[in-house]
Amino acid sequence: MSGSHLQRRIPLPGLTMNSHTDIPSNHSRRQMLQSVSCGFGYLAFAGMCARAAPPDPLSPREPHFRPRAKRVIFLCMGGGPSHLDTFDYKPKLQADAGRDIEQGNQYQGTGGKLLASQWKFAQHGQSGLWISELFPNLSKHGDKLCLLNGMYTDLPSHPHSFVKMHTGNSQFVRPSLGAWSLYGLGTESENLPGFMVLNPSSGNGGAQNYGSAFLPATYQATAVRGSRGQISNISNRRMSREQQRAQLDLVQSLNQGRLEQNEVDPDVEGVIDSFELAFKMQTEAPRLMDVNRESFSVRRAYGIGNRATDNFGRQCLLARRLAESGVRFIELNYGNWDHHRGLKSGLERNCQAIDKPIAALLADLENRDMLKDTLVMWGGEFGRTPHGESTDGRDHNNRGYTMWMAGGGVKGGMRYGQTDEYGFAAVEDRMHIHDWHATVLHLLGLDHKRLTFNYSGRDFRLTDVHGEVATKIIA
């Protein structure tokens, strides 16, 4: 079978979000393999060659309405970055530092004393956003940022909140935000996955954060481990491309036979799709993952070659290259932000590692006229407390924290939402993680209430029965 038999760019007749019309039927799957390799040559099924190839589940689809963003780059900071030391300036926290937090106020029972930030804040850009001195490079892009200062989630537990941030549910296995995005829109790349995760977290739910759950397996993420873009088994040194194609055709014929017997087998369908994509990636991925193809000036702007910024700088540059190549959803991971102790040294080290690379990413996207339709998001699963867990640390805080967005149709130079005077709880324009998900999908042109998948007799969606779009932040 030639690789051209599996066409990936066949438009679907329309976007009807359910498992019966969007995913190719088994009858269509039976048409997909129009010829098979059988030892010494190819045997064509009678009449198959005249039939059209079936719709591809990864083909680009029309959104529900005009999208503001075509793609997403999520900068995931696992561990819970301290909003009080980065993007949520609290003068009263500075003034009342050392005060016993249990002296008859709303924080009764939380324990500890108020801990002032050890870093200065200043206003930046024409908008005057308050940003910590920990971000000297990113702060120059203050007019691009929309600070979501009123975020909150359900539990101050890393595994629960991390999984909820990714899937909308911490109790059951559910599809991830990236998988839902790919299901709703398909991908613009023929030779690359539509959903890729760089340096994925192995803890706090692991692969569940990037999986497709009950959605077809073709919508799960492809993991790229390490800072240099390693994809396992991307090359085969023992066989030529022609030999691999013949081997793959034989394996696919066996897979197709299994699918014929079972009639319904999402796992086998996912394997058929993933094998074909993996074969195509052998040509495209190594070239794309090689950031050394970029000029020295570009690599230096991202901090590549500098020990402190090289790791995340490579991820950010690779994210731009993937976005440019049509990948729909890209997640970058950098941790650990869980600073119960050693806040000063730990936070300074982490912020130094990401500040220059993120600033370079925003500037690079803007220079290439991509920022306007690329939604860049930053944040972790929750924030930290205004009281100290020690003299140099903060505890978990799920009641109020900060994430931010840039590009992709979001208003820049804006502060949306607010925590109380000490930064403990969201009190104005509060934004639950379900609201965040609904807003991300809306920016991609998808109605979170209509983006559903029928599973076990019920229509499921990312936001369950919750979620309100934060219309105030949309440009």
Protein backbone atom coordinates (compact mmCIF):
# COMPACT_ATOMS: atom_id res chain seq x y z
CA MET A 1 0.00 0.00 0.00
CA SER A 2 1.30 3.44 -0.84
CA GLY A 3 1.27 6.13 1.82
CA SER A 4 -0.90 8.23 -0.47
CA HIS A 5 -3.84 5.89 0.08
CA LEU A 6 -4.49 7.49 3.48
CA GLN A 7 -5.46 11.06 2.70
CA ARG A 8 -5.63 13.32 5.77
CA ARG A 9 -7.09 16.43 4.19
CA ILE A 10 -10.63 15.37 3.32
CA PRO A 11 -13.11 17.96 4.67
CA LEU A 12 -16.00 16.67 6.72
CA PRO A 13 -19.50 17.64 5.55
CA GLY A 14 -20.11 19.67 8.70
CA LEU A 15 -19.36 19.93 12.40
CA THR A 16 -21.87 17.82 14.30
CA MET A 17 -20.27 16.99 17.59
CA ASN A 18 -21.09 13.41 18.48
CA SER A 19 -19.44 10.05 18.30
CA HIS A 20 -21.68 8.75 15.54
CA THR A 21 -20.97 11.27 12.77
CA ASP A 22 -17.53 12.73 13.45
CA ILE A 23 -15.60 9.49 13.73
CA PRO A 24 -15.30 7.28 10.64
CA SER A 25 -17.54 4.23 10.84
CA ASN A 26 -16.16 0.72 10.71
CA HIS A 27 -17.50 0.49 7.16
CA SER A 28 -15.35 3.52 6.31
CA ARG A 29 -12.40 1.99 8.08
CA ARG A 30 -12.76 -1.11 5.94
CA GLN A 31 -12.41 1.09 2.89
CA MET A 32 -9.35 2.82 4.28
CA LEU A 33 -6.86 0.09 3.49
CA GLN A 34 -7.26 -0.15 -0.25
CA SER A 35 -4.34 -2.52 -0.72
CA VAL A 36 -2.17 -4.68 1.50
CA SER A 37 1.34 -5.97 1.42
CA CYS A 38 1.46 -9.75 1.26
CA GLY A 39 5.00 -11.06 1.22
CA PHE A 40 6.20 -10.59 -2.37
CA GLY A 41 3.83 -7.87 -3.59
CA TYR A 42 0.56 -6.03 -3.26
CA LEU A 43 -2.95 -7.50 -3.57
CA ALA A 44 -5.70 -4.97 -4.25
CA PHE A 45 -9.16 -5.65 -2.93
CA ALA A 46 -11.66 -5.93 -5.77
CA GLY A 47 -13.47 -2.68 -6.36
CA MET A 48 -11.73 -0.83 -3.54
CA CYS A 49 -9.53 1.39 -5.68
CA ALA A 50 -12.53 3.12 -7.21
CA ARG A 51 -13.92 4.21 -3.85
CA ALA A 52 -13.14 7.54 -2.20
CA ALA A 53 -11.03 7.58 0.93
CA PRO A 54 -13.04 7.98 4.15
CA PRO A 55 -13.23 11.16 6.19
CA ASP A 56 -10.21 11.61 8.42
CA PRO A 57 -10.90 12.31 12.12
CA LEU A 58 -7.95 14.72 12.14
CA SER A 59 -9.01 16.72 9.08
CA PRO A 60 -9.52 20.46 9.72
CA ARG A 61 -13.10 21.24 10.72
CA GLU A 62 -15.24 24.32 10.74
CA PRO A 63 -15.62 25.77 14.25
CA HIS A 64 -18.98 26.74 15.72
CA PHE A 65 -18.28 30.45 15.10
CA ARG A 66 -15.44 32.68 13.99
CA PRO A 67 -12.38 31.84 16.07
CA ARG A 68 -10.02 34.39 17.55
CA ALA A 69 -7.24 31.81 17.93
CA LYS A 70 -6.13 29.04 15.58
CA ARG A 71 -3.78 27.32 18.01
CA VAL A 72 -2.77 27.21 21.69
CA ILE A 73 0.59 27.23 23.45
CA PHE A 74 0.14 26.40 27.13
CA LEU A 75 3.09 27.18 29.40
CA CYS A 76 2.33 24.84 32.31
CA MET A 77 4.06 25.62 35.61
CA GLY A 78 3.42 22.55 37.77
CA GLY A 79 3.56 22.95 41.54
CA GLY A 80 1.62 26.16 42.13
CA PRO A 81 3.57 29.39 41.42
CA SER A 82 3.20 32.12 44.01
CA HIS A 83 0.90 34.76 42.51
CA LEU A 84 1.75 37.08 45.41
CA ASP A 85 5.38 37.31 44.32
CA THR A 86 4.84 37.46 40.57
CA PHE A 87 1.65 38.98 39.12
CA ASP A 88 -0.68 39.93 42.02
CA TYR A 89 0.63 43.00 43.82
CA LYS A 90 -0.70 43.40 47.37
CA PRO A 91 0.49 46.58 49.16
CA LYS A 92 -1.46 45.70 52.33
CA LEU A 93 0.33 42.37 52.54
CA GLN A 94 3.59 44.31 52.58
CA ALA A 95 2.30 46.73 55.18
CA ASP A 96 0.94 44.05 57.54
CA ALA A 97 3.81 41.58 57.22
CA GLY A 98 4.43 39.61 60.43
CA ARG A 99 0.88 40.09 61.70
CA ASP A 100 -0.82 37.03 63.14
CA ILE A 101 -3.34 36.01 60.50
CA GLU A 102 -5.73 34.52 63.09
CA GLN A 103 -6.56 37.82 64.78
CA GLY A 104 -10.30 37.87 64.05
CA ASN A 105 -10.48 37.98 60.27
CA GLN A 106 -11.76 35.85 57.41
CA TYR A 107 -8.63 33.70 57.48
CA GLN A 108 -9.39 32.37 60.95
CA GLY A 109 -7.90 28.91 61.37
CA THR A 110 -5.42 29.08 58.52
CA GLY A 111 -2.45 29.58 60.82
CA GLY A 112 0.84 31.39 60.31
CA LYS A 113 1.80 35.02 59.97
CA LEU A 114 1.49 37.26 56.94
CA LEU A 115 4.59 37.00 54.77
CA ALA A 116 5.54 39.99 52.62
CA SER A 117 6.88 39.51 49.13
CA GLN A 118 10.66 39.72 48.97
CA TRP A 119 10.56 41.32 45.50
CA LYS A 120 9.59 44.77 44.31
CA PHE A 121 6.67 45.35 41.97
CA ALA A 122 6.46 48.08 39.33
CA GLN A 123 3.97 49.19 36.69
CA HIS A 124 4.81 48.37 33.09
CA GLY A 125 3.69 49.47 29.64
CA GLN A 126 1.00 51.96 28.79
CA SER A 127 -1.48 49.83 30.72
CA GLY A 128 0.53 50.07 33.93
CA LEU A 129 0.21 46.40 34.89
CA TRP A 130 1.92 45.56 38.17
CA ILE A 131 4.55 42.87 37.59
CA SER A 132 7.30 41.63 39.89
CA GLU A 133 10.97 42.35 39.30
CA LEU A 134 11.36 38.58 38.90
CA PHE A 135 10.30 39.08 35.26
CA PRO A 136 12.49 41.87 33.82
CA ASN A 137 12.10 40.61 30.23
CA LEU A 138 8.47 39.50 30.27
CA SER A 139 7.42 42.78 31.90
CA LYS A 140 8.44 44.58 28.70
CA HIS A 141 5.49 42.80 27.08
CA GLY A 142 3.04 43.91 29.76
CA ASP A 143 0.69 45.44 27.20
CA LYS A 144 0.29 41.99 25.61
CA LEU A 145 -0.70 40.24 28.85
CA CYS A 146 -4.13 39.66 30.31
CA LEU A 147 -3.61 38.84 33.98
CA LEU A 148 -6.32 36.53 35.34
CA ASN A 149 -6.01 37.53 39.00
CA GLY A 150 -9.30 35.97 40.10
CA MET A 151 -8.60 32.30 39.41
CA TYR A 152 -9.75 29.63 41.85
CA THR A 153 -10.21 25.86 41.90
CA ASP A 154 -11.67 23.19 44.18
CA LEU A 155 -8.88 21.59 46.20
CA PRO A 156 -5.38 22.56 47.43
CA SER A 157 -4.01 19.16 46.38
CA HIS A 158 -1.47 18.83 43.57
CA PRO A 159 -2.84 15.65 41.92
CA HIS A 160 -6.48 16.76 42.09
CA SER A 161 -5.90 20.31 40.89
CA PHE A 162 -3.34 19.42 38.20
CA VAL A 163 -5.65 16.82 36.64
CA LYS A 164 -8.63 19.17 36.94
CA MET A 165 -6.69 21.94 35.20
CA HIS A 166 -6.02 19.58 32.31
CA THR A 167 -9.26 17.58 32.08
CA GLY A 168 -11.94 19.45 34.05
CA ASN A 169 -12.45 16.52 36.43
CA SER A 170 -10.29 15.17 39.24
CA GLN A 171 -12.51 12.20 40.16
CA PHE A 172 -12.80 10.35 36.85
CA VAL A 173 -10.63 9.85 33.78
CA ARG A 174 -11.68 12.43 31.23
CA PRO A 175 -10.27 13.77 27.93
CA SER A 176 -7.75 16.57 28.25
CA LEU A 177 -8.21 20.15 27.06
CA GLY A 178 -5.81 19.48 24.20
CA ALA A 179 -7.71 16.36 23.14
CA TRP A 180 -11.04 18.23 23.16
CA SER A 181 -9.49 21.02 21.07
CA LEU A 182 -8.20 18.54 18.51
CA TYR A 183 -11.53 16.69 18.45
CA GLY A 184 -13.36 19.93 17.76
CA LEU A 185 -11.05 21.45 15.16
CA GLY A 186 -8.80 18.75 13.72
CA THR A 187 -5.26 19.65 12.71
CA GLU A 188 -3.63 21.60 9.92
CA SER A 189 -0.53 19.38 9.77
CA GLU A 190 -0.42 16.23 7.66
CA ASN A 191 2.89 14.93 8.99
CA LEU A 192 2.78 15.93 12.65
CA PRO A 193 0.44 15.24 15.57
CA GLY A 194 -2.17 17.88 16.27
CA PHE A 195 -1.53 17.78 20.03
CA MET A 196 2.01 17.69 21.42
CA VAL A 197 3.37 17.93 24.98
CA LEU A 198 6.97 18.94 25.60
CA ASN A 199 8.71 17.65 28.73
CA PRO A 200 5.47 16.13 30.11
CA SER A 201 4.96 15.80 33.86
CA SER A 202 5.24 12.21 35.06
CA GLY A 203 3.50 12.90 38.38
CA ASN A 204 0.12 14.32 39.38
CA GLY A 205 -1.86 12.05 37.09
CA GLY A 206 0.87 11.54 34.50
CA ALA A 207 -0.42 10.58 31.06
CA GLN A 208 -4.02 11.18 32.15
CA ASN A 209 -3.36 14.92 31.80
CA TYR A 210 -2.65 14.53 28.10
CA GLY A 211 -4.87 11.59 27.22
CA SER A 212 -8.05 11.24 25.21
CA ALA A 213 -9.97 8.99 27.68
CA PHE A 214 -13.21 7.95 25.92
CA LEU A 215 -12.46 10.08 22.84
CA PRO A 216 -10.77 8.10 20.06
CA ALA A 217 -7.09 7.49 20.77
CA THR A 218 -6.04 9.58 17.77
CA TYR A 219 -6.81 12.73 19.83
CA GLN A 220 -4.33 12.03 22.64
CA ALA A 221 -1.04 13.93 22.87
CA THR A 222 2.33 12.90 21.50
CA ALA A 223 4.94 13.29 24.22
CA VAL A 224 8.31 14.88 23.47
CA ARG A 225 10.66 14.20 26.36
CA GLY A 226 13.69 16.16 27.39
CA SER A 227 14.68 19.69 26.42
CA ARG A 228 16.12 18.69 23.06
CA GLY A 229 12.95 17.32 21.51
CA GLN A 230 13.45 13.57 21.72
CA ILE A 231 10.68 11.42 20.30
CA SER A 232 11.20 7.75 21.09
CA ASN A 233 11.89 5.40 18.15
CA ILE A 234 11.50 8.14 15.54
CA SER A 235 14.14 6.57 13.30
CA ASN A 236 14.84 3.04 12.12
CA ARG A 237 18.48 2.32 11.29
CA ARG A 238 17.89 -1.30 10.29
CA MET A 239 15.38 -0.84 7.48
CA SER A 240 15.02 1.46 4.50
CA ARG A 241 11.91 3.62 4.14
CA GLU A 242 10.60 1.28 1.41
CA GLN A 243 11.09 -1.76 3.65
CA GLN A 244 9.34 0.00 6.54
CA ARG A 245 6.43 0.87 4.26
CA ALA A 246 6.05 -2.78 3.23
CA GLN A 247 6.29 -3.91 6.86
CA LEU A 248 3.74 -1.35 7.95
CA ASP A 249 1.34 -2.36 5.18
CA LEU A 250 1.45 -5.94 6.41
CA VAL A 251 0.88 -4.90 10.04
CA GLN A 252 -1.97 -2.61 9.01
CA SER A 253 -3.63 -5.45 7.10
CA LEU A 254 -3.54 -7.52 10.29
CA ASN A 255 -4.96 -4.62 12.28
CA GLN A 256 -7.68 -4.19 9.69
CA GLY A 257 -8.52 -7.88 9.93
CA ARG A 258 -8.90 -7.54 13.68
CA LEU A 259 -11.14 -4.54 13.17
CA GLU A 260 -13.25 -6.50 10.68
CA GLN A 261 -13.77 -9.21 13.31
CA ASN A 262 -14.55 -6.89 16.21
CA GLU A 263 -16.59 -4.42 14.15
CA VAL A 264 -16.13 -1.81 16.90
CA ASP A 265 -12.65 -1.39 18.42
CA PRO A 266 -11.50 2.19 19.13
CA ASP A 267 -8.09 0.96 20.29
CA VAL A 268 -7.35 -0.74 16.98
CA GLU A 269 -8.66 2.26 15.05
CA GLY A 270 -6.30 4.47 17.08
CA VAL A 271 -3.38 2.15 16.32
CA ILE A 272 -4.11 2.27 12.57
CA ASP A 273 -4.09 6.08 12.60
CA SER A 274 -1.06 6.41 14.88
CA PHE A 275 1.06 3.97 12.85
CA GLU A 276 0.44 5.95 9.68
CA LEU A 277 1.21 9.26 11.37
CA ALA A 278 4.38 7.85 12.95
CA PHE A 279 5.59 6.73 9.52
CA LYS A 280 5.12 10.25 8.15
CA MET A 281 6.77 11.82 11.20
CA GLN A 282 10.06 10.06 10.48
CA THR A 283 10.70 12.58 7.72
CA GLU A 284 9.22 15.73 9.22
CA ALA A 285 9.90 15.49 12.97
CA PRO A 286 13.74 15.26 13.08
CA ARG A 287 14.07 18.36 10.90
CA LEU A 288 11.51 20.28 12.90
CA MET A 289 12.92 19.30 16.30
CA ASP A 290 16.39 20.55 15.40
CA VAL A 291 16.36 24.10 16.77
CA ASN A 292 19.98 24.51 15.63
CA ARG A 293 18.50 25.21 12.19
CA GLU A 294 17.50 28.60 13.60
CA SER A 295 19.94 31.50 13.37
CA PHE A 296 22.33 32.19 16.23
CA SER A 297 20.57 35.47 17.00
CA VAL A 298 17.20 33.72 17.38
CA ARG A 299 18.65 31.00 19.60
CA ARG A 300 20.39 33.60 21.74
CA ALA A 301 17.15 35.58 22.11
CA TYR A 302 15.50 32.46 23.59
CA GLY A 303 18.40 31.95 25.99
CA ILE A 304 19.68 28.79 24.31
CA GLY A 305 23.30 28.19 25.24
CA ASN A 306 22.89 29.80 28.66
CA ARG A 307 22.80 27.24 31.44
CA ALA A 308 19.95 28.93 33.31
CA THR A 309 17.63 29.35 30.32
CA ASP A 310 18.70 26.68 27.82
CA ASN A 311 16.15 24.03 28.88
CA PHE A 312 13.00 26.13 28.70
CA GLY A 313 14.39 28.25 25.88
CA ARG A 314 14.58 25.18 23.65
CA GLN A 315 11.01 24.26 24.55
CA CYS A 316 9.74 27.75 23.69
CA LEU A 317 11.57 27.87 20.36
CA LEU A 318 10.37 24.38 19.51
CA ALA A 319 6.81 25.42 20.40
CA ARG A 320 7.02 28.28 17.91
CA ARG A 321 8.30 25.91 15.21
CA LEU A 322 5.50 23.42 15.92
CA ALA A 323 2.86 26.16 15.86
CA GLU A 324 4.26 27.40 12.56
CA SER A 325 3.97 23.86 11.16
CA GLY A 326 0.26 23.52 11.96
CA VAL A 327 0.23 21.77 15.35
CA ARG A 328 -3.04 22.75 17.03
CA PHE A 329 -2.29 22.44 20.75
CA ILE A 330 1.19 22.58 22.31
CA GLU A 331 1.94 22.28 26.01
CA LEU A 332 5.28 23.11 27.61
CA ASN A 333 6.10 22.02 31.15
CA TYR A 334 8.42 23.54 33.72
CA GLY A 335 8.45 22.79 37.46
CA ASN A 336 8.82 22.55 40.41
CA TRP A 337 7.05 25.62 41.82
CA ASP A 338 6.05 23.98 45.13
CA HIS A 339 7.95 26.36 47.40
CA HIS A 340 6.97 25.41 50.94
CA ARG A 341 10.52 26.38 51.85
CA GLY A 342 13.36 28.01 50.01
CA LEU A 343 10.97 30.44 48.33
CA LYS A 344 13.57 33.11 47.64
CA SER A 345 16.17 30.93 45.96
CA GLY A 346 13.65 28.59 44.34
CA LEU A 347 11.39 31.26 42.87
CA GLU A 348 14.32 33.31 41.61
CA ARG A 349 15.80 30.24 39.91
CA ASN A 350 12.51 29.24 38.27
CA CYS A 351 11.64 32.73 37.09
CA GLN A 352 15.10 33.24 35.66
CA ALA A 353 14.72 30.01 33.70
CA ILE A 354 11.47 31.04 32.01
CA ASP A 355 11.52 34.86 31.85
CA LYS A 356 13.76 35.39 28.82
CA PRO A 357 12.42 32.41 26.81
CA ILE A 358 8.77 33.47 27.24
CA ALA A 359 9.56 37.07 26.32
CA ALA A 360 11.36 35.83 23.21
CA LEU A 361 8.41 33.58 22.30
CA LEU A 362 5.93 36.47 22.48
CA ALA A 363 8.21 38.73 20.46
CA ASP A 364 8.92 36.03 17.88
CA LEU A 365 5.25 35.22 17.40
CA GLU A 366 4.43 38.90 17.02
CA ASN A 367 7.24 39.45 14.49
CA ARG A 368 5.89 36.56 12.42
CA ASP A 369 2.34 37.93 12.62
CA MET A 370 1.27 34.81 14.55
CA LEU A 371 0.51 36.19 18.00
CA LYS A 372 -2.84 37.56 16.89
CA ASP A 373 -4.14 34.01 16.30
CA THR A 374 -1.97 32.08 18.77
CA LEU A 375 -3.32 31.87 22.31
CA VAL A 376 -0.41 31.76 24.76
CA MET A 377 -1.36 30.76 28.32
CA TRP A 378 0.72 30.59 31.51
CA GLY A 379 -0.06 29.16 34.94
CA GLY A 380 -0.14 26.29 37.39
CA GLU A 381 -2.76 24.27 39.23
CA PHE A 382 -3.15 26.81 42.09
CA GLY A 383 -1.30 29.57 43.95
CA ARG A 384 0.25 30.13 47.38
CA THR A 385 -0.93 31.53 50.71
CA PRO A 386 -0.29 35.09 51.96
CA HIS A 387 0.84 33.64 55.27
CA GLY A 388 4.18 31.92 55.51
CA GLU A 389 4.54 28.21 56.04
CA SER A 390 8.01 29.09 57.29
CA THR A 391 10.09 32.24 57.25
CA ASP A 392 10.84 31.50 53.59
CA GLY A 393 7.93 29.59 52.08
CA ARG A 394 4.22 29.57 51.28
CA ASP A 395 1.58 26.84 51.48
CA HIS A 396 -0.93 25.71 48.80
CA ASN A 397 -3.80 28.07 48.01
CA ASN A 398 -6.67 27.08 45.72
CA ARG A 399 -9.02 29.93 46.68
CA GLY A 400 -7.23 32.63 44.70
CA TYR A 401 -4.33 32.71 42.26
CA THR A 402 -3.15 34.06 38.90
CA MET A 403 -2.83 32.75 35.37
CA TRP A 404 -2.33 34.88 32.28
CA MET A 405 -3.12 34.84 28.56
CA ALA A 406 -1.67 36.69 25.59
CA GLY A 407 -2.54 36.90 21.89
CA GLY A 408 -5.28 34.80 20.33
CA GLY A 409 -7.99 37.46 20.56
CA VAL A 410 -7.42 38.34 24.23
CA LYS A 411 -7.22 41.95 25.40
CA GLY A 412 -3.67 42.93 26.27
CA GLY A 413 -2.58 45.14 29.15
CA MET A 414 -5.57 44.03 31.19
CA ARG A 415 -6.10 42.79 34.71
CA TYR A 416 -9.20 40.62 34.97
CA GLY A 417 -10.42 39.51 38.38
CA GLN A 418 -9.13 40.32 41.80
CA THR A 419 -8.23 38.66 45.08
CA ASP A 420 -8.79 40.23 48.49
CA GLU A 421 -6.39 42.72 50.03
CA TYR A 422 -3.99 39.95 51.11
CA GLY A 423 -4.35 37.77 48.01
CA PHE A 424 -5.96 34.84 49.76
CA ALA A 425 -9.26 34.43 47.90
CA ALA A 426 -10.75 35.56 44.58
CA VAL A 427 -13.44 38.16 45.24
CA GLU A 428 -14.11 39.93 41.93
CA ASP A 429 -14.68 38.47 38.44
CA ARG A 430 -13.90 35.09 39.90
CA MET A 431 -12.80 32.54 37.32
CA HIS A 432 -13.12 28.83 38.11
CA ILE A 433 -11.13 26.34 36.08
CA HIS A 434 -14.36 25.42 34.24
CA ASP A 435 -14.70 29.08 33.22
CA TRP A 436 -11.10 29.05 32.03
CA HIS A 437 -11.78 25.98 29.88
CA ALA A 438 -14.96 27.52 28.46
CA THR A 439 -13.05 30.69 27.58
CA VAL A 440 -10.18 28.83 25.89
CA LEU A 441 -12.62 26.85 23.73
CA HIS A 442 -14.55 30.02 22.92
CA LEU A 443 -11.39 31.73 21.67
CA LEU A 444 -10.84 28.70 19.42
CA GLY A 445 -14.34 29.17 17.99
CA LEU A 446 -15.93 26.32 19.95
CA ASP A 447 -19.03 26.49 22.13
CA HIS A 448 -18.18 24.44 25.22
CA LYS A 449 -21.85 23.47 25.62
CA ARG A 450 -22.07 22.11 22.07
CA LEU A 451 -18.69 20.37 21.99
CA THR A 452 -19.90 16.98 23.23
CA PHE A 453 -19.15 13.30 22.78
CA ASN A 454 -21.66 10.54 23.38
CA TYR A 455 -20.24 7.87 25.65
CA SER A 456 -22.15 5.16 27.55
CA GLY A 457 -25.45 6.77 26.61
CA ARG A 458 -24.57 10.25 27.81
CA ASP A 459 -23.25 13.38 26.10
CA PHE A 460 -20.06 14.46 27.85
CA ARG A 461 -18.26 17.78 27.57
CA LEU A 462 -15.06 19.30 28.97
CA THR A 463 -16.89 21.64 31.36
CA ASP A 464 -19.47 19.06 32.52
CA VAL A 465 -22.51 21.21 33.48
CA HIS A 466 -20.48 24.29 34.42
CA GLY A 467 -18.44 27.04 32.82
CA GLU A 468 -19.00 30.66 31.83
CA VAL A 469 -17.01 32.43 29.13
CA ALA A 470 -15.09 35.47 30.40
CA THR A 471 -16.35 37.78 27.64
CA LYS A 472 -14.73 40.85 29.21
CA ILE A 473 -11.25 39.70 28.24
CA ILE A 474 -12.04 39.09 24.57
CA ALA A 475 -10.77 41.80 22.25
